[in-house]
C-alpha atoms as a PDB file:
ATOM      1  CA  MET A   1      -6.785   3.793 -15.247  1.00  0.00           C
ATOM      2  CA  ILE A   2     -10.329   4.567 -16.294  1.00  0.00           C
ATOM      3  CA  ASP A   3     -12.493   6.483 -13.818  1.00  0.00           C
ATOM      4  CA  PHE A   4     -15.304   3.938 -13.470  1.00  0.00           C
ATOM      5  CA  SER A   5     -17.192   6.053 -10.936  1.00  0.00           C
ATOM      6  CA  ASN A   6     -18.167   8.416 -13.759  1.00  0.00           C
ATOM      7  CA  GLY A   7     -21.175   6.693 -15.351  1.00  0.00           C
ATOM      8  CA  SER A   8     -20.861   8.728 -18.521  1.00  0.00           C
ATOM      9  CA  VAL A   9     -17.555   7.020 -19.342  1.00  0.00           C
ATOM     10  CA  PHE A  10     -19.366   4.102 -20.903  1.00  0.00           C
ATOM     11  CA  LYS A  11     -22.636   4.168 -22.861  1.00  0.00           C
ATOM     12  CA  LEU A  12     -22.085   0.846 -24.538  1.00  0.00           C
ATOM     13  CA  ASN A  13     -23.675  -0.806 -27.551  1.00  0.00           C
ATOM     14  CA  PRO A  14     -23.171  -4.428 -28.603  1.00  0.00           C
ATOM     15  CA  ALA A  15     -20.216  -4.811 -30.977  1.00  0.00           C
ATOM     16  CA  ARG A  16     -18.753  -7.579 -33.088  1.00  0.00           C
ATOM     17  CA  LEU A  17     -15.965  -9.719 -31.652  1.00  0.00           C
ATOM     18  CA  GLU A  18     -14.365  -9.775 -35.105  1.00  0.00           C
ATOM     19  CA  ASP A  19     -13.896  -5.998 -34.972  1.00  0.00           C
ATOM     20  CA  LEU A  20     -12.581  -5.568 -31.417  1.00  0.00           C
ATOM     21  CA  GLY A  21     -10.988  -8.946 -30.720  1.00  0.00           C
ATOM     22  CA  PRO A  22      -7.770  -8.252 -32.641  1.00  0.00           C
ATOM     23  CA  LEU A  23      -7.211  -5.072 -30.595  1.00  0.00           C
ATOM     24  CA  VAL A  24      -7.014  -7.026 -27.302  1.00  0.00           C
ATOM     25  CA  ALA A  25      -5.635 -10.315 -28.683  1.00  0.00           C
ATOM     26  CA  PRO A  26      -2.020  -9.489 -27.668  1.00  0.00           C
ATOM     27  CA  LEU A  27      -3.176  -9.206 -24.027  1.00  0.00           C
ATOM     28  CA  LEU A  28      -4.847 -12.610 -23.833  1.00  0.00           C
ATOM     29  CA  ILE A  29      -3.230 -15.545 -22.071  1.00  0.00           C
ATOM     30  CA  PRO A  30      -3.095 -19.013 -23.686  1.00  0.00           C
ATOM     31  CA  GLU A  31      -6.539 -20.625 -23.862  1.00  0.00           C
ATOM     32  CA  GLU A  32      -8.334 -17.405 -22.849  1.00  0.00           C
ATOM     33  CA  ARG A  33     -11.231 -16.779 -25.199  1.00  0.00           C
ATOM     34  CA  LEU A  34     -13.343 -13.756 -26.065  1.00  0.00           C
ATOM     35  CA  VAL A  35     -17.007 -14.018 -25.085  1.00  0.00           C
ATOM     36  CA  SER A  36     -18.684 -10.659 -25.739  1.00  0.00           C
ATOM     37  CA  CYS A  37     -17.854  -7.035 -26.470  1.00  0.00           C
ATOM     38  CA  PHE A  38     -19.452  -3.611 -26.329  1.00  0.00           C
ATOM     39  CA  LYS A  39     -18.382  -0.275 -27.776  1.00  0.00           C
ATOM     40  CA  ALA A  40     -18.990   3.382 -26.981  1.00  0.00           C
ATOM     41  CA  MET A  41     -17.823   6.179 -29.290  1.00  0.00           C
ATOM     42  CA  ARG A  42     -14.131   5.249 -29.066  1.00  0.00           C
ATOM     43  CA  ASP A  43     -13.847   3.260 -25.842  1.00  0.00           C
ATOM     44  CA  PHE A  44     -14.854  -0.371 -25.578  1.00  0.00           C
ATOM     45  CA  VAL A  45     -15.199  -3.283 -23.181  1.00  0.00           C
ATOM     46  CA  VAL A  46     -14.375  -6.913 -23.907  1.00  0.00           C
ATOM     47  CA  PHE A  47     -15.573  -9.819 -21.768  1.00  0.00           C
ATOM     48  CA  THR A  48     -13.420 -12.940 -21.873  1.00  0.00           C
ATOM     49  CA  ASP A  49     -13.858 -16.187 -19.966  1.00  0.00           C
ATOM     50  CA  LYS A  50     -11.328 -14.911 -17.368  1.00  0.00           C
ATOM     51  CA  ARG A  51     -11.789 -11.134 -17.079  1.00  0.00           C
ATOM     52  CA  LEU A  52     -13.242  -7.889 -18.273  1.00  0.00           C
ATOM     53  CA  ILE A  53     -10.917  -5.676 -20.331  1.00  0.00           C
ATOM     54  CA  ALA A  54     -11.890  -1.997 -20.517  1.00  0.00           C
ATOM     55  CA  VAL A  55     -10.135   0.025 -23.201  1.00  0.00           C
ATOM     56  CA  ASN A  56      -9.932   3.811 -23.009  1.00  0.00           C
ATOM     57  CA  VAL A  57      -8.857   5.270 -26.358  1.00  0.00           C
ATOM     58  CA  GLN A  58      -6.883   8.472 -25.804  1.00  0.00           C
ATOM     59  CA  GLY A  59      -5.488  11.327 -27.827  1.00  0.00           C
ATOM     60  CA  ILE A  60      -6.559  12.902 -31.088  1.00  0.00           C
ATOM     61  CA  THR A  61      -5.365  10.021 -33.262  1.00  0.00           C
ATOM     62  CA  GLY A  62      -6.611   7.291 -30.925  1.00  0.00           C
ATOM     63  CA  LYS A  63      -3.341   5.390 -31.115  1.00  0.00           C
ATOM     64  CA  LYS A  64      -2.749   5.694 -27.376  1.00  0.00           C
ATOM     65  CA  ARG A  65      -4.892   3.236 -25.408  1.00  0.00           C
ATOM     66  CA  ASP A  66      -5.293   2.410 -21.738  1.00  0.00           C
ATOM     67  CA  PHE A  67      -6.138  -1.275 -21.143  1.00  0.00           C
ATOM     68  CA  THR A  68      -7.623  -2.039 -17.722  1.00  0.00           C
ATOM     69  CA  SER A  69      -7.864  -5.713 -16.834  1.00  0.00           C
ATOM     70  CA  LEU A  70     -10.486  -6.635 -14.231  1.00  0.00           C
ATOM     71  CA  PRO A  71     -10.358 -10.359 -13.340  1.00  0.00           C
ATOM     72  CA  TYR A  72     -13.618 -12.077 -12.425  1.00  0.00           C
ATOM     73  CA  SER A  73     -11.824 -13.718  -9.483  1.00  0.00           C
ATOM     74  CA  LYS A  74     -11.771 -10.303  -7.736  1.00  0.00           C
ATOM     75  CA  ILE A  75     -15.520  -9.668  -8.041  1.00  0.00           C
ATOM     76  CA  GLN A  76     -17.208  -9.758  -4.634  1.00  0.00           C
ATOM     77  CA  ALA A  77     -20.736  -8.858  -5.783  1.00  0.00           C
ATOM     78  CA  PHE A  78     -22.560  -7.736  -8.909  1.00  0.00           C
ATOM     79  CA  SER A  79     -25.881  -6.216  -9.881  1.00  0.00           C
ATOM     80  CA  ILE A  80     -27.814  -5.667 -13.099  1.00  0.00           C
ATOM     81  CA  GLU A  81     -30.476  -3.041 -13.708  1.00  0.00           C
ATOM     82  CA  THR A  82     -32.705  -3.530 -16.729  1.00  0.00           C
ATOM     83  CA  ALA A  83     -33.850  -0.730 -19.002  1.00  0.00           C
ATOM     84  CA  GLY A  84     -37.262   0.763 -18.270  1.00  0.00           C
ATOM     85  CA  THR A  85     -39.918   2.694 -20.131  1.00  0.00           C
ATOM     86  CA  PHE A  86     -38.363   6.117 -19.606  1.00  0.00           C
ATOM     87  CA  ASP A  87     -34.814   5.144 -18.576  1.00  0.00           C
ATOM     88  CA  LEU A  88     -33.640   3.285 -21.673  1.00  0.00           C
ATOM     89  CA  ASP A  89     -30.178   2.429 -20.351  1.00  0.00           C
ATOM     90  CA  ALA A  90     -29.323  -0.784 -18.515  1.00  0.00           C
ATOM     91  CA  GLU A  91     -26.511  -0.971 -15.972  1.00  0.00           C
ATOM     92  CA  LEU A  92     -24.043  -3.539 -14.717  1.00  0.00           C
ATOM     93  CA  ASP A  93     -22.430  -2.828 -11.347  1.00  0.00           C
ATOM     94  CA  LEU A  94     -19.437  -4.914 -10.269  1.00  0.00           C
ATOM     95  CA  TRP A  95     -17.738  -4.659  -6.862  1.00  0.00           C
ATOM     96  CA  PHE A  96     -14.052  -5.576  -7.034  1.00  0.00           C
ATOM     97  CA  SER A  97     -11.910  -6.183  -3.971  1.00  0.00           C
ATOM     98  CA  GLY A  98      -9.282  -3.457  -3.739  1.00  0.00           C
ATOM     99  CA  LEU A  99     -10.972  -1.284  -6.381  1.00  0.00           C
ATOM    100  CA  GLY A 100     -14.581  -0.764  -5.358  1.00  0.00           C
ATOM    101  CA  LYS A 101     -17.596  -0.393  -7.613  1.00  0.00           C
ATOM    102  CA  VAL A 102     -17.308  -0.407 -11.389  1.00  0.00           C
ATOM    103  CA  ARG A 103     -20.417   0.712 -13.282  1.00  0.00           C
ATOM    104  CA  LEU A 104     -20.975   0.073 -16.969  1.00  0.00           C
ATOM    105  CA  GLU A 105     -23.992   1.586 -18.719  1.00  0.00           C
ATOM    106  CA  PHE A 106     -25.483  -0.100 -21.765  1.00  0.00           C
ATOM    107  CA  LYS A 107     -27.893   1.168 -24.395  1.00  0.00           C
ATOM    108  CA  GLY A 108     -31.316  -0.460 -24.411  1.00  0.00           C
ATOM    109  CA  SER A 109     -30.306  -2.791 -27.268  1.00  0.00           C
ATOM    110  CA  ALA A 110     -27.912  -4.722 -24.985  1.00  0.00           C
ATOM    111  CA  ASP A 111     -29.251  -7.906 -23.359  1.00  0.00           C
ATOM    112  CA  ILE A 112     -28.345  -7.100 -19.739  1.00  0.00           C
ATOM    113  CA  ARG A 113     -29.839 -10.353 -18.431  1.00  0.00           C
ATOM    114  CA  GLU A 114     -27.563 -12.360 -20.689  1.00  0.00           C
ATOM    115  CA  LEU A 115     -24.629 -10.257 -19.512  1.00  0.00           C
ATOM    116  CA  GLY A 116     -25.590 -10.917 -15.879  1.00  0.00           C
ATOM    117  CA  GLN A 117     -25.621 -14.649 -16.628  1.00  0.00           C
ATOM    118  CA  LEU A 118     -22.206 -14.359 -18.266  1.00  0.00           C
ATOM    119  CA  VAL A 119     -20.739 -12.700 -15.171  1.00  0.00           C
ATOM    120  CA  ALA A 120     -22.461 -15.214 -12.874  1.00  0.00           C
ATOM    121  CA  ARG A 121     -21.049 -18.118 -14.899  1.00  0.00           C
ATOM    122  CA  TYR A 122     -17.482 -17.002 -14.206  1.00  0.00           C
ATOM    123  CA  VAL A 123     -17.911 -15.535 -10.703  1.00  0.00           C
ATOM    124  CA  LEU A 124     -20.092 -18.098  -8.929  1.00  0.00           C
END
């Protein structure tokens, strides 16, 4: 599993669903749909209407991948932090029962407010 306590794991930029969707499609359940996705250098995160899927690409070739599924139903609380003048990264903190806090860091180009609304839509 990905070490979410290390904030440097994810420095995410918005990505296209067409590019990353096929990589997680085999994991989706019937009627689950992709909503949004973000990519770091090799790792990426996909938000569906049921869960968050974090993908850690491993090895030199990148063929080995760790898929961590985090269902919205297990989120107890969440927080967003917008980018500032000097701190250009935005953050999404999610507290999962049984797992603890998961922090995702986004580059300034990501709309963190929209992402907070997405999480709220499925959690509340």
